[in-house]
Full PDB file with SEQRES, HELIX, SHEET, SSBOND, CRYST1, ORIGX, SCALE, CONECT and MASTER records, all heavy atoms in Angstrom:
SEQRES   1 A   41  LYS VAL GLY ARG GLY ALA HIS VAL GLY ALA GLY ALA VAL          
SEQRES   2 A   41  ILE LEU PRO GLY ILE THR ILE GLY GLU TRP ALA VAL VAL          
SEQRES   3 A   41  GLY ALA GLY ALA VAL VAL THR LYS PRO VAL PRO ALA GLU          
SEQRES   4 A   41  THR VAL                                                      
SHEET    1 AA1 2 HIS A   7  VAL A   8  0                                        
SHEET    2 AA1 2 VAL A  25  VAL A  26  1                                        
SHEET    1 AA2 2 VAL A  13  ILE A  14  0                                        
SHEET    2 AA2 2 VAL A  31  VAL A  32  1                                        
CRYST1    1.000    1.000    1.000  90.00  90.00  90.00 P 1           1          
ORIGX1      1.000000  0.000000  0.000000        0.00000                         
ORIGX2      0.000000  1.000000  0.000000        0.00000                         
ORIGX3      0.000000  0.000000  1.000000        0.00000                         
SCALE1      1.000000  0.000000  0.000000        0.00000                         
SCALE2      0.000000  1.000000  0.000000        0.00000                         
SCALE3      0.000000  0.000000  1.000000        0.00000                         
ATOM      1  N   LYS A   1       0.849  -1.163  -0.011  1.00  0.00           N  
ATOM      2  CA  LYS A   1       0.041   0.013  -0.018  1.00  0.00           C  
ATOM      3  C   LYS A   1       0.860   1.310  -0.001  1.00  0.00           C  
ATOM      4  O   LYS A   1       1.764   1.387   0.835  1.00  0.00           O  
ATOM      5  CB  LYS A   1      -0.930   0.030   1.236  1.00  0.00           C  
ATOM      6  CG  LYS A   1      -1.798   1.199   1.159  1.00  0.00           C  
ATOM      7  CD  LYS A   1      -2.717   1.266   2.367  1.00  0.00           C  
ATOM      8  CE  LYS A   1      -3.595   2.548   2.332  1.00  0.00           C  
ATOM      9  NZ  LYS A   1      -4.584   2.664   3.473  1.00  0.00           N  
ATOM     10  N   VAL A   2       0.637   2.103  -0.984  1.00  0.00           N  
ATOM     11  CA  VAL A   2       1.332   3.403  -1.041  1.00  0.00           C  
ATOM     12  C   VAL A   2       0.426   4.564  -0.831  1.00  0.00           C  
ATOM     13  O   VAL A   2      -0.624   4.758  -1.562  1.00  0.00           O  
ATOM     14  CB  VAL A   2       2.046   3.515  -2.383  1.00  0.00           C  
ATOM     15  CG1 VAL A   2       2.931   4.815  -2.513  1.00  0.00           C  
ATOM     16  CG2 VAL A   2       2.921   2.285  -2.711  1.00  0.00           C  
ATOM     17  N   GLY A   3       0.657   5.264   0.181  1.00  0.00           N  
ATOM     18  CA  GLY A   3      -0.215   6.425   0.639  1.00  0.00           C  
ATOM     19  C   GLY A   3      -0.221   7.615  -0.313  1.00  0.00           C  
ATOM     20  O   GLY A   3       0.803   7.767  -1.107  1.00  0.00           O  
ATOM     21  N   ARG A   4      -1.224   8.403  -0.174  1.00  0.00           N  
ATOM     22  CA  ARG A   4      -1.379   9.588  -1.066  1.00  0.00           C  
ATOM     23  C   ARG A   4      -0.117  10.427  -1.098  1.00  0.00           C  
ATOM     24  O   ARG A   4       0.539  10.751  -0.146  1.00  0.00           O  
ATOM     25  CB  ARG A   4      -2.562  10.416  -0.395  1.00  0.00           C  
ATOM     26  CG  ARG A   4      -2.902  11.689  -1.224  1.00  0.00           C  
ATOM     27  CD  ARG A   4      -3.916  12.477  -0.485  1.00  0.00           C  
ATOM     28  NE  ARG A   4      -4.346  13.643  -1.260  1.00  0.00           N  
ATOM     29  CZ  ARG A   4      -5.352  13.714  -2.063  1.00  0.00           C  
ATOM     30  NH1 ARG A   4      -6.052  12.605  -2.311  1.00  0.00           N  
ATOM     31  NH2 ARG A   4      -5.694  14.754  -2.728  1.00  0.00           N  
ATOM     32  N   GLY A   5       0.217  10.774  -2.364  1.00  0.00           N  
ATOM     33  CA  GLY A   5       1.343  11.688  -2.586  1.00  0.00           C  
ATOM     34  C   GLY A   5       2.779  11.139  -2.395  1.00  0.00           C  
ATOM     35  O   GLY A   5       3.728  11.867  -2.559  1.00  0.00           O  
ATOM     36  N   ALA A   6       2.921   9.886  -2.102  1.00  0.00           N  
ATOM     37  CA  ALA A   6       4.163   9.306  -1.845  1.00  0.00           C  
ATOM     38  C   ALA A   6       4.980   9.137  -3.197  1.00  0.00           C  
ATOM     39  O   ALA A   6       4.338   9.068  -4.274  1.00  0.00           O  
ATOM     40  CB  ALA A   6       4.051   7.927  -1.145  1.00  0.00           C  
ATOM     41  N   HIS A   7       6.310   9.141  -3.118  1.00  0.00           N  
ATOM     42  CA  HIS A   7       7.139   8.984  -4.291  1.00  0.00           C  
ATOM     43  C   HIS A   7       8.023   7.864  -3.956  1.00  0.00           C  
ATOM     44  O   HIS A   7       8.818   7.808  -3.091  1.00  0.00           O  
ATOM     45  CB  HIS A   7       7.904  10.247  -4.523  1.00  0.00           C  
ATOM     46  CG  HIS A   7       8.615  10.280  -5.741  1.00  0.00           C  
ATOM     47  ND1 HIS A   7       8.914  11.454  -6.432  1.00  0.00           N  
ATOM     48  CD2 HIS A   7       9.294   9.306  -6.505  1.00  0.00           C  
ATOM     49  CE1 HIS A   7       9.645  11.216  -7.542  1.00  0.00           C  
ATOM     50  NE2 HIS A   7       9.878   9.852  -7.612  1.00  0.00           N  
ATOM     51  N   VAL A   8       7.932   6.783  -4.894  1.00  0.00           N  
ATOM     52  CA  VAL A   8       8.897   5.721  -4.832  1.00  0.00           C  
ATOM     53  C   VAL A   8       9.965   5.882  -5.905  1.00  0.00           C  
ATOM     54  O   VAL A   8       9.579   5.957  -7.138  1.00  0.00           O  
ATOM     55  CB  VAL A   8       8.082   4.347  -5.083  1.00  0.00           C  
ATOM     56  CG1 VAL A   8       9.075   3.211  -4.981  1.00  0.00           C  
ATOM     57  CG2 VAL A   8       7.061   4.184  -4.000  1.00  0.00           C  
ATOM     58  N   GLY A   9      11.201   6.000  -5.498  1.00  0.00           N  
ATOM     59  CA  GLY A   9      12.264   6.392  -6.492  1.00  0.00           C  
ATOM     60  C   GLY A   9      12.651   5.246  -7.379  1.00  0.00           C  
ATOM     61  O   GLY A   9      12.286   4.057  -7.276  1.00  0.00           O  
ATOM     62  N   ALA A  10      13.419   5.634  -8.354  1.00  0.00           N  
ATOM     63  CA  ALA A  10      13.817   4.803  -9.471  1.00  0.00           C  
ATOM     64  C   ALA A  10      14.549   3.532  -8.939  1.00  0.00           C  
ATOM     65  O   ALA A  10      15.432   3.592  -8.066  1.00  0.00           O  
ATOM     66  CB  ALA A  10      14.654   5.490 -10.485  1.00  0.00           C  
ATOM     67  N   GLY A  11      14.131   2.324  -9.322  1.00  0.00           N  
ATOM     68  CA  GLY A  11      14.792   1.095  -9.047  1.00  0.00           C  
ATOM     69  C   GLY A  11      14.526   0.628  -7.656  1.00  0.00           C  
ATOM     70  O   GLY A  11      15.115  -0.408  -7.165  1.00  0.00           O  
ATOM     71  N   ALA A  12      13.676   1.285  -6.866  1.00  0.00           N  
ATOM     72  CA  ALA A  12      13.348   0.892  -5.494  1.00  0.00           C  
ATOM     73  C   ALA A  12      12.593  -0.395  -5.457  1.00  0.00           C  
ATOM     74  O   ALA A  12      11.812  -0.679  -6.483  1.00  0.00           O  
ATOM     75  CB  ALA A  12      12.610   1.948  -4.719  1.00  0.00           C  
ATOM     76  N   VAL A  13      12.661  -1.165  -4.446  1.00  0.00           N  
ATOM     77  CA  VAL A  13      11.921  -2.491  -4.342  1.00  0.00           C  
ATOM     78  C   VAL A  13      11.189  -2.334  -3.007  1.00  0.00           C  
ATOM     79  O   VAL A  13      11.825  -2.111  -1.917  1.00  0.00           O  
ATOM     80  CB  VAL A  13      12.825  -3.727  -4.290  1.00  0.00           C  
ATOM     81  CG1 VAL A  13      12.022  -4.944  -4.147  1.00  0.00           C  
ATOM     82  CG2 VAL A  13      13.600  -3.791  -5.648  1.00  0.00           C  
ATOM     83  N   ILE A  14       9.889  -2.583  -3.055  1.00  0.00           N  
ATOM     84  CA  ILE A  14       9.016  -2.579  -1.836  1.00  0.00           C  
ATOM     85  C   ILE A  14       8.638  -4.014  -1.574  1.00  0.00           C  
ATOM     86  O   ILE A  14       7.898  -4.595  -2.424  1.00  0.00           O  
ATOM     87  CB  ILE A  14       7.813  -1.665  -1.940  1.00  0.00           C  
ATOM     88  CG1 ILE A  14       8.124  -0.276  -2.587  1.00  0.00           C  
ATOM     89  CG2 ILE A  14       7.113  -1.519  -0.576  1.00  0.00           C  
ATOM     90  CD1 ILE A  14       9.171   0.536  -1.811  1.00  0.00           C  
ATOM     91  N   LEU A  15       9.009  -4.642  -0.511  1.00  0.00           N  
ATOM     92  CA  LEU A  15       8.652  -6.015  -0.228  1.00  0.00           C  
ATOM     93  C   LEU A  15       7.241  -6.211   0.036  1.00  0.00           C  
ATOM     94  O   LEU A  15       6.457  -5.320   0.388  1.00  0.00           O  
ATOM     95  CB  LEU A  15       9.578  -6.552   0.903  1.00  0.00           C  
ATOM     96  CG  LEU A  15      11.072  -6.664   0.661  1.00  0.00           C  
ATOM     97  CD1 LEU A  15      11.825  -7.321   1.755  1.00  0.00           C  
ATOM     98  CD2 LEU A  15      11.421  -7.241  -0.698  1.00  0.00           C  
ATOM     99  N   PRO A  16       6.715  -7.524  -0.060  1.00  0.00           N  
ATOM    100  CA  PRO A  16       5.258  -7.776   0.014  1.00  0.00           C  
ATOM    101  C   PRO A  16       4.688  -7.307   1.315  1.00  0.00           C  
ATOM    102  O   PRO A  16       5.265  -7.364   2.335  1.00  0.00           O  
ATOM    103  CB  PRO A  16       5.218  -9.252  -0.071  1.00  0.00           C  
ATOM    104  CG  PRO A  16       6.444  -9.676  -0.770  1.00  0.00           C  
ATOM    105  CD  PRO A  16       7.443  -8.724  -0.378  1.00  0.00           C  
ATOM    106  N   GLY A  17       3.509  -6.713   1.203  1.00  0.00           N  
ATOM    107  CA  GLY A  17       2.690  -6.417   2.313  1.00  0.00           C  
ATOM    108  C   GLY A  17       3.100  -5.040   3.115  1.00  0.00           C  
ATOM    109  O   GLY A  17       2.455  -4.733   4.134  1.00  0.00           O  
ATOM    110  N   ILE A  18       4.123  -4.343   2.564  1.00  0.00           N  
ATOM    111  CA  ILE A  18       4.622  -3.256   3.255  1.00  0.00           C  
ATOM    112  C   ILE A  18       3.674  -1.917   2.944  1.00  0.00           C  
ATOM    113  O   ILE A  18       3.176  -1.857   1.820  1.00  0.00           O  
ATOM    114  CB  ILE A  18       6.042  -2.827   2.732  1.00  0.00           C  
ATOM    115  CG1 ILE A  18       6.948  -3.952   3.143  1.00  0.00           C  
ATOM    116  CG2 ILE A  18       6.575  -1.485   3.303  1.00  0.00           C  
ATOM    117  CD1 ILE A  18       7.230  -4.161   4.655  1.00  0.00           C  
ATOM    118  N   THR A  19       3.533  -1.121   3.816  1.00  0.00           N  
ATOM    119  CA  THR A  19       2.834   0.237   3.764  1.00  0.00           C  
ATOM    120  C   THR A  19       3.829   1.387   3.671  1.00  0.00           C  
ATOM    121  O   THR A  19       4.688   1.492   4.563  1.00  0.00           O  
ATOM    122  CB  THR A  19       1.764   0.474   4.875  1.00  0.00           C  
ATOM    123  OG1 THR A  19       0.880  -0.616   4.824  1.00  0.00           O  
ATOM    124  CG2 THR A  19       1.056   1.693   4.728  1.00  0.00           C  
ATOM    125  N   ILE A  20       3.581   2.170   2.643  1.00  0.00           N  
ATOM    126  CA  ILE A  20       4.327   3.423   2.563  1.00  0.00           C  
ATOM    127  C   ILE A  20       3.364   4.578   2.878  1.00  0.00           C  
ATOM    128  O   ILE A  20       2.322   4.710   2.235  1.00  0.00           O  
ATOM    129  CB  ILE A  20       4.890   3.618   1.131  1.00  0.00           C  
ATOM    130  CG1 ILE A  20       5.675   2.447   0.605  1.00  0.00           C  
ATOM    131  CG2 ILE A  20       5.730   4.918   0.982  1.00  0.00           C  
ATOM    132  CD1 ILE A  20       6.965   2.058   1.387  1.00  0.00           C  
ATOM    133  N   GLY A  21       3.731   5.404   3.910  1.00  0.00           N  
ATOM    134  CA  GLY A  21       2.829   6.386   4.328  1.00  0.00           C  
ATOM    135  C   GLY A  21       2.663   7.586   3.379  1.00  0.00           C  
ATOM    136  O   GLY A  21       3.488   7.783   2.409  1.00  0.00           O  
ATOM    137  N   GLU A  22       1.660   8.353   3.640  1.00  0.00           N  
ATOM    138  CA  GLU A  22       1.322   9.520   2.801  1.00  0.00           C  
ATOM    139  C   GLU A  22       2.547  10.403   2.765  1.00  0.00           C  
ATOM    140  O   GLU A  22       3.157  10.727   3.681  1.00  0.00           O  
ATOM    141  CB  GLU A  22       0.085  10.223   3.319  1.00  0.00           C  
ATOM    142  CG  GLU A  22      -1.124   9.385   3.206  1.00  0.00           C  
ATOM    143  CD  GLU A  22      -2.391  10.254   3.653  1.00  0.00           C  
ATOM    144  OE1 GLU A  22      -2.279  11.408   3.963  1.00  0.00           O  
ATOM    145  OE2 GLU A  22      -3.500   9.724   3.447  1.00  0.00           O  
ATOM    146  N   TRP A  23       2.792  10.940   1.442  1.00  0.00           N  
ATOM    147  CA  TRP A  23       3.784  11.938   1.184  1.00  0.00           C  
ATOM    148  C   TRP A  23       5.151  11.416   1.558  1.00  0.00           C  
ATOM    149  O   TRP A  23       6.089  12.328   1.775  1.00  0.00           O  
ATOM    150  CB  TRP A  23       3.394  13.297   1.790  1.00  0.00           C  
ATOM    151  CG  TRP A  23       2.184  13.817   1.300  1.00  0.00           C  
ATOM    152  CD1 TRP A  23       0.902  13.784   1.966  1.00  0.00           C  
ATOM    153  CD2 TRP A  23       1.812  14.326  -0.044  1.00  0.00           C  
ATOM    154  NE1 TRP A  23      -0.086  14.233   1.097  1.00  0.00           N  
ATOM    155  CE2 TRP A  23       0.436  14.519  -0.010  1.00  0.00           C  
ATOM    156  CE3 TRP A  23       2.568  14.507  -1.161  1.00  0.00           C  
ATOM    157  CZ2 TRP A  23      -0.195  15.190  -1.253  1.00  0.00           C  
ATOM    158  CZ3 TRP A  23       1.983  15.012  -2.285  1.00  0.00           C  
ATOM    159  CH2 TRP A  23       0.627  15.438  -2.318  1.00  0.00           C  
ATOM    160  N   ALA A  24       5.409  10.246   1.845  1.00  0.00           N  
ATOM    161  CA  ALA A  24       6.742   9.659   2.045  1.00  0.00           C  
ATOM    162  C   ALA A  24       7.594   9.593   0.732  1.00  0.00           C  
ATOM    163  O   ALA A  24       6.991   9.608  -0.337  1.00  0.00           O  
ATOM    164  CB  ALA A  24       6.670   8.316   2.650  1.00  0.00           C  
ATOM    165  N   VAL A  25       8.870   9.614   0.867  1.00  0.00           N  
ATOM    166  CA  VAL A  25       9.792   9.486  -0.236  1.00  0.00           C  
ATOM    167  C   VAL A  25      10.690   8.312  -0.044  1.00  0.00           C  
ATOM    168  O   VAL A  25      11.317   8.198   0.936  1.00  0.00           O  
ATOM    169  CB  VAL A  25      10.584  10.746  -0.505  1.00  0.00           C  
ATOM    170  CG1 VAL A  25      11.545  10.559  -1.632  1.00  0.00           C  
ATOM    171  CG2 VAL A  25       9.725  11.933  -0.758  1.00  0.00           C  
ATOM    172  N   VAL A  26      10.645   7.411  -1.035  1.00  0.00           N  
ATOM    173  CA  VAL A  26      11.587   6.168  -1.014  1.00  0.00           C  
ATOM    174  C   VAL A  26      12.644   6.468  -1.984  1.00  0.00           C  
ATOM    175  O   VAL A  26      12.406   6.694  -3.142  1.00  0.00           O  
ATOM    176  CB  VAL A  26      10.786   4.891  -1.326  1.00  0.00           C  
ATOM    177  CG1 VAL A  26      11.771   3.832  -1.425  1.00  0.00           C  
ATOM    178  CG2 VAL A  26       9.671   4.697  -0.347  1.00  0.00           C  
ATOM    179  N   GLY A  27      13.863   6.576  -1.598  1.00  0.00           N  
ATOM    180  CA  GLY A  27      15.073   6.896  -2.430  1.00  0.00           C  
ATOM    181  C   GLY A  27      15.247   5.888  -3.494  1.00  0.00           C  
ATOM    182  O   GLY A  27      14.862   4.695  -3.340  1.00  0.00           O  
ATOM    183  N   ALA A  28      15.937   6.310  -4.476  1.00  0.00           N  
ATOM    184  CA  ALA A  28      16.257   5.422  -5.622  1.00  0.00           C  
ATOM    185  C   ALA A  28      17.086   4.322  -5.143  1.00  0.00           C  
ATOM    186  O   ALA A  28      18.006   4.431  -4.427  1.00  0.00           O  
ATOM    187  CB  ALA A  28      17.082   6.188  -6.686  1.00  0.00           C  
ATOM    188  N   GLY A  29      16.729   3.107  -5.606  1.00  0.00           N  
ATOM    189  CA  GLY A  29      17.489   1.930  -5.316  1.00  0.00           C  
ATOM    190  C   GLY A  29      17.230   1.333  -3.995  1.00  0.00           C  
ATOM    191  O   GLY A  29      17.874   0.313  -3.552  1.00  0.00           O  
ATOM    192  N   ALA A  30      16.376   1.936  -3.164  1.00  0.00           N  
ATOM    193  CA  ALA A  30      16.117   1.483  -1.808  1.00  0.00           C  
ATOM    194  C   ALA A  30      15.396   0.132  -1.784  1.00  0.00           C  
ATOM    195  O   ALA A  30      14.645  -0.266  -2.743  1.00  0.00           O  
ATOM    196  CB  ALA A  30      15.261   2.466  -1.047  1.00  0.00           C  
ATOM    197  N   VAL A  31      15.650  -0.675  -0.722  1.00  0.00           N  
ATOM    198  CA  VAL A  31      14.964  -1.974  -0.564  1.00  0.00           C  
ATOM    199  C   VAL A  31      14.193  -1.827   0.778  1.00  0.00           C  
ATOM    200  O   VAL A  31      14.803  -1.755   1.789  1.00  0.00           O  
ATOM    201  CB  VAL A  31      15.932  -3.110  -0.541  1.00  0.00           C  
ATOM    202  CG1 VAL A  31      15.163  -4.369  -0.261  1.00  0.00           C  
ATOM    203  CG2 VAL A  31      16.669  -3.273  -1.830  1.00  0.00           C  
ATOM    204  N   VAL A  32      12.820  -1.707   0.626  1.00  0.00           N  
ATOM    205  CA  VAL A  32      12.062  -1.364   1.788  1.00  0.00           C  
ATOM    206  C   VAL A  32      11.456  -2.727   2.359  1.00  0.00           C  
ATOM    207  O   VAL A  32      10.767  -3.383   1.698  1.00  0.00           O  
ATOM    208  CB  VAL A  32      10.872  -0.446   1.419  1.00  0.00           C  
ATOM    209  CG1 VAL A  32      10.015  -0.173   2.600  1.00  0.00           C  
ATOM    210  CG2 VAL A  32      11.415   0.874   0.766  1.00  0.00           C  
ATOM    211  N   THR A  33      11.971  -2.981   3.627  1.00  0.00           N  
ATOM    212  CA  THR A  33      11.580  -4.192   4.315  1.00  0.00           C  
ATOM    213  C   THR A  33      10.664  -3.949   5.496  1.00  0.00           C  
ATOM    214  O   THR A  33      10.142  -4.905   6.123  1.00  0.00           O  
ATOM    215  CB  THR A  33      12.843  -4.855   4.813  1.00  0.00           C  
ATOM    216  OG1 THR A  33      13.476  -3.979   5.741  1.00  0.00           O  
ATOM    217  CG2 THR A  33      13.757  -5.169   3.733  1.00  0.00           C  
ATOM    218  N   LYS A  34      10.468  -2.673   5.883  1.00  0.00           N  
ATOM    219  CA  LYS A  34       9.585  -2.325   6.997  1.00  0.00           C  
ATOM    220  C   LYS A  34       8.636  -1.154   6.639  1.00  0.00           C  
ATOM    221  O   LYS A  34       8.984  -0.410   5.671  1.00  0.00           O  
ATOM    222  CB  LYS A  34      10.468  -1.878   8.219  1.00  0.00           C  
ATOM    223  CG  LYS A  34      11.237  -3.010   8.800  1.00  0.00           C  
ATOM    224  CD  LYS A  34      12.107  -2.446   9.909  1.00  0.00           C  
ATOM    225  CE  LYS A  34      13.050  -3.543  10.484  1.00  0.00           C  
ATOM    226  NZ  LYS A  34      13.918  -3.072  11.455  1.00  0.00           N  
ATOM    227  N   PRO A  35       7.577  -1.017   7.289  1.00  0.00           N  
ATOM    228  CA  PRO A  35       6.619   0.057   6.921  1.00  0.00           C  
ATOM    229  C   PRO A  35       7.282   1.455   7.014  1.00  0.00           C  
ATOM    230  O   PRO A  35       8.227   1.632   7.844  1.00  0.00           O  
ATOM    231  CB  PRO A  35       5.550   0.044   8.070  1.00  0.00           C  
ATOM    232  CG  PRO A  35       5.525  -1.443   8.389  1.00  0.00           C  
ATOM    233  CD  PRO A  35       6.974  -1.841   8.306  1.00  0.00           C  
ATOM    234  N   VAL A  36       6.956   2.372   6.130  1.00  0.00           N  
ATOM    235  CA  VAL A  36       7.522   3.741   6.085  1.00  0.00           C  
ATOM    236  C   VAL A  36       6.471   4.707   6.629  1.00  0.00           C  
ATOM    237  O   VAL A  36       5.418   4.826   6.063  1.00  0.00           O  
ATOM    238  CB  VAL A  36       7.952   4.001   4.652  1.00  0.00           C  
ATOM    239  CG1 VAL A  36       8.500   5.480   4.539  1.00  0.00           C  
ATOM    240  CG2 VAL A  36       8.959   3.057   4.140  1.00  0.00           C  
ATOM    241  N   PRO A  37       6.878   5.434   7.698  1.00  0.00           N  
ATOM    242  CA  PRO A  37       5.888   6.472   8.186  1.00  0.00           C  
ATOM    243  C   PRO A  37       5.597   7.469   7.233  1.00  0.00           C  
ATOM    244  O   PRO A  37       6.407   7.878   6.379  1.00  0.00           O  
ATOM    245  CB  PRO A  37       6.478   7.006   9.416  1.00  0.00           C  
ATOM    246  CG  PRO A  37       7.572   5.958   9.765  1.00  0.00           C  
ATOM    247  CD  PRO A  37       8.034   5.345   8.430  1.00  0.00           C  
ATOM    248  N   ALA A  38       4.399   8.182   7.282  1.00  0.00           N  
ATOM    249  CA  ALA A  38       4.081   9.266   6.525  1.00  0.00           C  
ATOM    250  C   ALA A  38       5.091  10.420   6.616  1.00  0.00           C  
ATOM    251  O   ALA A  38       5.701  10.608   7.692  1.00  0.00           O  
ATOM    252  CB  ALA A  38       2.702   9.846   6.934  1.00  0.00           C  
ATOM    253  N   GLU A  39       5.255  11.143   5.563  1.00  0.00           N  
ATOM    254  CA  GLU A  39       6.103  12.408   5.529  1.00  0.00           C  
ATOM    255  C   GLU A  39       7.614  12.140   5.870  1.00  0.00           C  
ATOM    256  O   GLU A  39       8.296  13.002   6.359  1.00  0.00           O  
ATOM    257  CB  GLU A  39       5.537  13.414   6.550  1.00  0.00           C  
ATOM    258  CG  GLU A  39       4.198  13.876   6.250  1.00  0.00           C  
ATOM    259  CD  GLU A  39       4.030  14.978   5.165  1.00  0.00           C  
ATOM    260  OE1 GLU A  39       4.972  15.451   4.701  1.00  0.00           O  
ATOM    261  OE2 GLU A  39       2.861  15.279   4.836  1.00  0.00           O  
ATOM    262  N   THR A  40       8.060  10.917   5.621  1.00  0.00           N  
ATOM    263  CA  THR A  40       9.536  10.643   5.945  1.00  0.00           C  
ATOM    264  C   THR A  40      10.221  10.301   4.595  1.00  0.00           C  
ATOM    265  O   THR A  40       9.632   9.945   3.635  1.00  0.00           O  
ATOM    266  CB  THR A  40       9.693   9.462   6.888  1.00  0.00           C  
ATOM    267  OG1 THR A  40       8.986   8.240   6.280  1.00  0.00           O  
ATOM    268  CG2 THR A  40       9.089   9.773   8.271  1.00  0.00           C  
ATOM    269  N   VAL A  41      11.534  10.343   4.672  1.00  0.00           N  
ATOM    270  CA  VAL A  41      12.383   9.911   3.615  1.00  0.00           C  
ATOM    271  C   VAL A  41      13.251   8.702   4.003  1.00  0.00           C  
ATOM    272  O   VAL A  41      13.828   8.727   5.068  1.00  0.00           O  
ATOM    273  CB  VAL A  41      13.377  11.026   3.139  1.00  0.00           C  
ATOM    274  CG1 VAL A  41      14.279  10.668   2.008  1.00  0.00           C  
ATOM    275  CG2 VAL A  41      12.571  12.268   2.796  1.00  0.00           C  
TER     276      VAL A  41                                                      
MASTER        0    0    0    0    4    0    0    6  275    1    0    4          
END                                                                             
């Protein structure tokens, strides 16, 4: 689940079932293994 306004950077991988909070930014090439709070990078 990717919240409103979030940006997932180029080449990033979000593992199954993870939530990305509203207006969060996932950097290019990141591997996201845990939930990302809203408004964070």
